[in-house]
Protein backbone atom coordinates (compact mmCIF):
# COMPACT_ATOMS: atom_id res chain seq x y z
CA MET A 1 -86.36 -98.59 -59.86
CA ASN A 2 -84.60 -95.29 -59.29
CA ALA A 3 -81.22 -94.81 -60.87
CA GLN A 4 -79.19 -94.01 -57.82
CA THR A 5 -76.08 -94.97 -55.92
CA ASP A 6 -75.32 -94.26 -52.28
CA SER A 7 -71.56 -93.79 -52.06
CA SER A 8 -71.68 -93.49 -48.25
CA TRP A 9 -72.51 -97.19 -48.02
CA LYS A 10 -70.49 -100.23 -48.97
CA GLY A 11 -71.70 -103.80 -49.14
CA ILE A 12 -70.25 -107.09 -47.92
CA ILE A 13 -71.38 -110.56 -48.98
CA LEU A 14 -70.17 -113.22 -46.55
CA ALA A 15 -69.92 -116.34 -48.69
CA GLY A 16 -67.63 -118.53 -46.61
CA GLY A 17 -68.17 -121.56 -44.45
CA ALA A 18 -67.99 -125.25 -45.25
CA GLY A 19 -71.69 -125.73 -46.02
CA THR A 20 -71.78 -128.85 -43.86
CA ARG A 21 -75.59 -128.91 -43.75
CA LEU A 22 -75.52 -129.45 -47.51
CA HIS A 23 -72.96 -132.25 -47.62
CA PRO A 24 -72.23 -134.11 -49.86
CA ILE A 25 -73.33 -131.43 -52.37
CA THR A 26 -70.83 -128.92 -50.97
CA LEU A 27 -67.87 -131.25 -50.54
CA VAL A 28 -66.30 -129.86 -53.73
CA SER A 29 -68.38 -126.74 -54.35
CA SER A 30 -69.10 -123.57 -52.42
CA LYS A 31 -72.67 -123.38 -51.13
CA GLN A 32 -73.05 -119.91 -52.61
CA MET A 33 -72.15 -121.25 -56.06
CA LEU A 34 -74.99 -123.78 -56.06
CA PRO A 35 -77.85 -123.05 -58.47
CA VAL A 36 -81.08 -121.60 -57.17
CA TYR A 37 -83.19 -122.39 -60.20
CA ASP A 38 -81.37 -120.55 -63.01
CA LYS A 39 -78.67 -118.54 -61.24
CA PRO A 40 -75.81 -119.06 -58.79
CA MET A 41 -76.97 -118.53 -55.24
CA ILE A 42 -74.71 -115.49 -54.75
CA TYR A 43 -76.64 -113.54 -57.40
CA TYR A 44 -79.58 -113.19 -55.02
CA PRO A 45 -77.86 -111.48 -52.06
CA LEU A 46 -75.86 -109.43 -54.55
CA SER A 47 -79.07 -108.27 -56.22
CA THR A 48 -80.43 -107.20 -52.82
CA LEU A 49 -77.44 -104.91 -52.25
CA MET A 50 -77.70 -103.55 -55.79
CA LEU A 51 -81.41 -102.80 -55.40
CA GLY A 52 -80.51 -100.88 -52.25
CA GLY A 53 -78.25 -98.66 -54.36
CA ILE A 54 -74.94 -100.23 -53.28
CA ASN A 55 -72.44 -100.93 -56.05
CA ASP A 56 -69.17 -101.17 -54.11
CA VAL A 57 -69.12 -104.74 -52.79
CA LEU A 58 -66.65 -106.98 -50.96
CA VAL A 59 -67.03 -110.75 -51.35
CA ILE A 60 -65.55 -112.74 -48.45
CA SER A 61 -65.01 -116.47 -48.87
CA THR A 62 -62.62 -119.34 -48.17
CA PRO A 63 -59.14 -119.59 -49.70
CA LYS A 64 -60.36 -122.49 -51.87
CA ASP A 65 -63.56 -120.86 -53.10
CA LEU A 66 -62.61 -117.20 -53.48
CA PRO A 67 -60.93 -117.65 -56.92
CA ARG A 68 -64.20 -119.12 -58.23
CA PHE A 69 -66.12 -116.04 -57.18
CA GLU A 70 -63.50 -113.84 -58.82
CA GLU A 71 -63.89 -115.85 -62.02
CA LEU A 72 -67.68 -115.59 -61.88
CA LEU A 73 -68.01 -111.90 -61.00
CA GLY A 74 -64.74 -110.36 -62.18
CA ASP A 75 -64.13 -106.74 -61.29
CA GLY A 76 -67.79 -105.86 -61.81
CA SER A 77 -67.17 -103.23 -64.48
CA SER A 78 -69.49 -104.96 -66.96
CA ILE A 79 -72.46 -104.27 -64.65
CA GLY A 80 -71.32 -100.98 -63.15
CA VAL A 81 -70.28 -102.55 -59.85
CA LYS A 82 -66.89 -102.56 -58.13
CA PHE A 83 -66.02 -105.93 -56.63
CA SER A 84 -63.29 -106.55 -54.07
CA TYR A 85 -62.36 -109.90 -52.58
CA ALA A 86 -61.02 -111.07 -49.22
CA VAL A 87 -60.30 -114.39 -47.52
CA GLN A 88 -61.84 -115.68 -44.31
CA ALA A 89 -59.45 -118.51 -43.56
CA GLU A 90 -61.82 -120.27 -41.15
CA PRO A 91 -65.49 -119.74 -40.25
CA ARG A 92 -64.94 -117.68 -37.09
CA GLY A 93 -68.32 -115.98 -37.01
CA ILE A 94 -70.35 -113.49 -39.01
CA ALA A 95 -68.97 -110.51 -37.10
CA GLU A 96 -65.45 -111.33 -38.29
CA ALA A 97 -66.51 -109.99 -41.69
CA PHE A 98 -66.01 -106.46 -40.33
CA ILE A 99 -62.48 -107.30 -39.22
CA VAL A 100 -61.59 -109.01 -42.50
CA GLY A 101 -63.18 -106.11 -44.38
CA ARG A 102 -61.77 -103.29 -42.24
CA LYS A 103 -59.62 -101.82 -45.02
CA PHE A 104 -62.43 -102.13 -47.56
CA ILE A 105 -64.94 -100.42 -45.27
CA GLY A 106 -62.64 -97.50 -44.56
CA GLN A 107 -64.73 -94.57 -43.31
CA SER A 108 -67.98 -95.76 -44.88
CA ASN A 109 -71.09 -97.30 -43.42
CA VAL A 110 -71.58 -100.94 -44.34
CA CYS A 111 -74.42 -103.30 -45.21
CA LEU A 112 -73.65 -106.99 -44.66
CA ILE A 113 -75.68 -109.79 -46.22
CA LEU A 114 -75.12 -113.50 -45.85
CA GLY A 115 -74.46 -115.33 -49.10
CA ASP A 116 -77.25 -117.86 -48.57
CA ASN A 117 -80.04 -115.37 -47.83
CA MET A 118 -82.65 -114.37 -50.41
CA PHE A 119 -85.15 -111.52 -50.24
CA TYR A 120 -88.04 -111.04 -52.64
CA GLY A 121 -90.38 -108.06 -52.72
CA LYS A 122 -90.15 -104.29 -52.74
CA MET A 123 -86.77 -103.18 -51.41
CA ASP A 124 -88.08 -99.97 -49.87
CA PHE A 125 -87.32 -101.41 -46.44
CA LEU A 126 -83.61 -101.55 -47.27
CA ARG A 127 -83.47 -98.20 -49.04
CA ASN A 128 -85.14 -96.59 -46.02
CA ALA A 129 -82.68 -98.26 -43.65
CA LEU A 130 -79.77 -96.93 -45.69
CA LYS A 131 -81.06 -93.38 -45.21
CA ARG A 132 -80.20 -93.75 -41.54
CA ARG A 133 -76.61 -92.57 -41.19
CA ALA A 134 -76.02 -93.40 -37.53
CA GLY A 135 -76.52 -96.54 -35.50
CA ALA A 136 -77.53 -99.98 -36.70
CA THR A 137 -80.59 -101.34 -38.47
CA VAL A 138 -81.60 -104.99 -38.54
CA PHE A 139 -84.87 -106.55 -39.64
CA GLY A 140 -87.53 -108.70 -38.05
CA TYR A 141 -89.32 -111.41 -40.01
CA PRO A 142 -92.12 -113.60 -38.59
CA VAL A 143 -91.28 -117.32 -38.60
CA GLN A 144 -92.99 -120.46 -37.34
CA ASP A 145 -89.94 -121.79 -35.51
CA PRO A 146 -88.01 -118.86 -34.02
CA LYS A 147 -85.84 -121.22 -31.91
CA ARG A 148 -83.59 -121.67 -34.96
CA TYR A 149 -82.72 -117.97 -35.25
CA GLY A 150 -81.68 -114.83 -33.51
CA VAL A 151 -84.92 -113.47 -32.03
CA VAL A 152 -85.85 -109.88 -31.24
CA GLU A 153 -88.23 -108.92 -28.39
CA PHE A 154 -90.33 -105.72 -28.35
CA ASP A 155 -92.43 -103.90 -25.81
CA SER A 156 -95.97 -102.67 -26.49
CA THR A 157 -94.65 -99.51 -28.17
CA GLY A 158 -92.33 -101.35 -30.54
CA LYS A 159 -89.15 -100.56 -28.62
CA VAL A 160 -86.53 -103.31 -28.75
CA LEU A 161 -86.04 -104.96 -25.37
CA SER A 162 -83.71 -107.86 -26.13
CA ILE A 163 -82.05 -110.02 -28.75
CA GLU A 164 -81.37 -113.69 -28.12
CA GLU A 165 -79.53 -116.20 -30.29
CA LYS A 166 -81.49 -119.44 -30.82
CA PRO A 167 -83.44 -119.18 -27.54
CA ALA A 168 -85.06 -122.26 -26.01
CA ARG A 169 -88.06 -120.09 -25.16
CA PRO A 170 -88.39 -117.35 -27.79
CA LYS A 171 -89.90 -114.09 -26.57
CA SER A 172 -91.35 -113.29 -29.98
CA LYS A 173 -91.88 -114.87 -33.40
CA PHE A 174 -89.62 -112.36 -35.13
CA ALA A 175 -86.33 -113.73 -36.42
CA ILE A 176 -83.48 -111.53 -37.60
CA PRO A 177 -82.57 -112.34 -41.22
CA GLY A 178 -79.01 -112.26 -42.51
CA LEU A 179 -79.06 -108.62 -43.59
CA TYR A 180 -77.52 -105.96 -41.35
CA CYS A 181 -76.85 -102.22 -41.78
CA TYR A 182 -74.27 -100.49 -39.56
CA ASP A 183 -72.55 -97.18 -39.26
CA ASN A 184 -68.77 -97.12 -39.35
CA ARG A 185 -68.51 -97.79 -35.61
CA VAL A 186 -69.18 -101.48 -36.33
CA VAL A 187 -65.50 -101.95 -37.15
CA GLU A 188 -64.60 -100.89 -33.63
CA VAL A 189 -67.43 -102.95 -32.10
CA ALA A 190 -66.45 -106.12 -33.95
CA GLY A 191 -62.79 -105.65 -33.06
CA SER A 192 -63.63 -105.52 -29.35
CA LEU A 193 -65.68 -108.74 -29.26
CA GLU A 194 -64.62 -111.85 -27.40
CA PRO A 195 -65.35 -115.23 -29.01
CA SER A 196 -68.51 -116.96 -27.83
CA PRO A 197 -68.44 -120.42 -26.21
CA ARG A 198 -68.55 -121.91 -29.69
CA GLY A 199 -65.42 -119.96 -30.62
CA GLU A 200 -67.04 -117.42 -32.95
CA LEU A 201 -67.50 -113.66 -33.09
CA GLU A 202 -71.28 -113.45 -32.94
CA ILE A 203 -73.32 -110.95 -34.91
CA THR A 204 -75.84 -111.04 -32.05
CA ASP A 205 -73.17 -109.55 -29.78
CA VAL A 206 -72.67 -106.71 -32.29
CA ASN A 207 -76.40 -106.03 -32.25
CA LYS A 208 -76.48 -106.16 -28.45
CA SER A 209 -73.71 -103.57 -28.31
CA TYR A 210 -75.78 -101.18 -30.43
CA LEU A 211 -78.87 -102.00 -28.38
CA LYS A 212 -77.06 -101.18 -25.14
CA ALA A 213 -76.01 -97.84 -26.63
CA GLY A 214 -79.59 -97.10 -27.68
CA GLU A 215 -78.59 -97.14 -31.35
CA LEU A 216 -80.29 -100.31 -32.62
CA HIS A 217 -83.27 -99.99 -34.95
CA VAL A 218 -85.39 -102.97 -35.98
CA GLU A 219 -87.64 -102.74 -39.03
CA LEU A 220 -90.34 -105.40 -39.35
CA LEU A 221 -90.86 -107.06 -42.72
CA GLY A 222 -94.48 -107.70 -43.50
CA ARG A 223 -96.44 -110.03 -45.76
CA GLY A 224 -95.22 -108.32 -48.91
CA MET A 225 -91.70 -109.66 -48.37
CA ALA A 226 -90.32 -113.17 -48.70
CA TRP A 227 -87.13 -114.19 -46.92
CA LEU A 228 -85.57 -117.52 -47.77
CA ASP A 229 -82.53 -119.19 -46.19
CA THR A 230 -80.96 -121.69 -48.60
CA GLY A 231 -78.67 -123.47 -46.15
CA THR A 232 -80.27 -126.94 -46.13
CA PRO A 233 -81.26 -129.33 -48.95
CA ARG A 234 -84.96 -128.74 -48.30
CA SER A 235 -84.70 -124.95 -48.11
CA LEU A 236 -82.50 -124.92 -51.23
CA LEU A 237 -85.14 -126.87 -53.14
CA GLU A 238 -87.92 -124.66 -51.80
CA ALA A 239 -86.03 -121.54 -52.87
CA GLY A 240 -85.49 -122.91 -56.36
CA ASN A 241 -89.16 -123.83 -56.68
CA PHE A 242 -90.15 -120.37 -55.41
CA VAL A 243 -87.99 -118.60 -57.99
CA ALA A 244 -89.18 -120.89 -60.79
CA SER A 245 -92.82 -120.32 -59.88
CA ILE A 246 -92.54 -116.52 -59.81
CA GLU A 247 -90.41 -116.28 -62.96
CA ASN A 248 -92.54 -118.64 -65.03
CA ARG A 249 -95.73 -116.97 -63.87
CA GLN A 250 -94.64 -113.37 -64.46
CA GLY A 251 -92.05 -113.73 -67.19
CA LEU A 252 -89.70 -111.61 -65.06
CA LYS A 253 -86.47 -112.78 -63.49
CA ILE A 254 -85.53 -112.54 -59.82
CA GLY A 255 -81.93 -111.68 -59.00
CA CYS A 256 -80.92 -110.84 -62.57
CA ILE A 257 -77.92 -108.65 -61.82
CA GLU A 258 -77.46 -107.42 -65.39
CA GLU A 259 -81.04 -106.19 -65.62
CA ILE A 260 -80.80 -104.56 -62.19
CA ALA A 261 -77.62 -102.75 -63.21
CA PHE A 262 -79.45 -101.40 -66.26
CA ARG A 263 -82.56 -100.40 -64.31
CA MET A 264 -80.38 -98.63 -61.73
CA GLY A 265 -78.73 -96.63 -64.50
CA TRP A 266 -75.27 -98.13 -63.96
CA ILE A 267 -74.94 -99.51 -67.50
CA SER A 268 -76.41 -98.42 -70.84
CA VAL A 269 -78.81 -100.37 -73.04
CA THR A 270 -75.90 -100.97 -75.43
CA GLN A 271 -73.85 -102.51 -72.64
CA LEU A 272 -76.84 -104.67 -71.65
CA GLU A 273 -77.17 -105.83 -75.23
CA HIS A 274 -73.51 -106.89 -75.28
CA LEU A 275 -74.11 -108.92 -72.11
CA ALA A 276 -77.16 -110.51 -73.71
CA MET A 277 -75.24 -111.44 -76.84
CA ALA A 278 -72.49 -113.05 -74.75
CA MET A 279 -75.11 -115.48 -73.44
CA LYS A 280 -77.18 -115.88 -76.58
CA GLY A 281 -78.62 -119.31 -77.16
CA ASN A 282 -79.83 -119.82 -73.60
CA GLU A 283 -82.88 -118.69 -71.70
CA TYR A 284 -81.01 -116.22 -69.52
CA GLY A 285 -79.45 -114.45 -72.50
CA MET A 286 -82.80 -114.40 -74.28
CA TYR A 287 -84.35 -112.74 -71.26
CA LEU A 288 -81.69 -110.00 -71.26
CA LYS A 289 -82.33 -109.50 -74.96
CA SER A 290 -86.04 -109.09 -74.25
CA VAL A 291 -85.22 -106.33 -71.76
CA VAL A 292 -83.18 -104.61 -74.48
CA ASP A 293 -86.00 -104.98 -76.98
CA GLU A 294 -88.47 -103.44 -74.55
CA GLN A 295 -86.43 -100.26 -74.69
CA GLY A 296 -87.02 -100.00 -78.41
CA PHE A 297 -83.53 -101.15 -79.41
CA MET A 298 -82.99 -104.12 -81.70
CA SER A 299 -79.81 -105.94 -82.75
CA GLY A 300 -78.42 -104.54 -85.97
CA ARG A 301 -80.09 -101.16 -85.50
């Protein structure tokens, strides 16, 4: 990993909603607080932003759940990240995140990730997208059942022709995952949207606005990337099994925000060691300690 931060970009994690597809598990707990193997779900989208070089992050959630995220993540100073928090009173659509986060975004560009989306693989695709200062970048991922997603259509040259939300007859197999990169104009675009028939501000309508202006870029994710949506009991289990399999096979953790902060150069090895000691006696803390030891530093040096 390269130690770098892109101050022209800010990140938003949308971690709201009622999680109805996961009831009764989410009747008293936020979906994004549920464990995916050995970490809270929100660690995974957060790690994606961090690996992209973004360390100024707004977490948006419900009035009930937001204090729990604040307790979990704090102000972020321990991992070299700045966390802000904002309430989405009701689930009024993904695009409302840019209205709720207007003050936070300010004059910056913004990368939005949904709190139940996981990405595994080299993050070059995101770093490259963040080099683009104007317009919007979304991603295309091949799926077996594109009817469940927003679907992007291309012509023979790779130019984007259309985007449809959950089409009955998909025009391609490429779904758009819950990761979106926009220039600052997205605040204006989101603010001008009318609610859809289901009463929400649709992210597809934001993307269509950029497409109409000729400013939408779609990057395809190939076989080297895994995208997992953890919004149903089955997909949550599959995600946990996936993480467990990779971690136990390689001895490396996925979505370990403390290690990522260290690898990105945002915290020192001494700070990482303090974090490891705070969780000593469990597997996660032992893993952080092993990262410290790999650097040639031992406790009591």
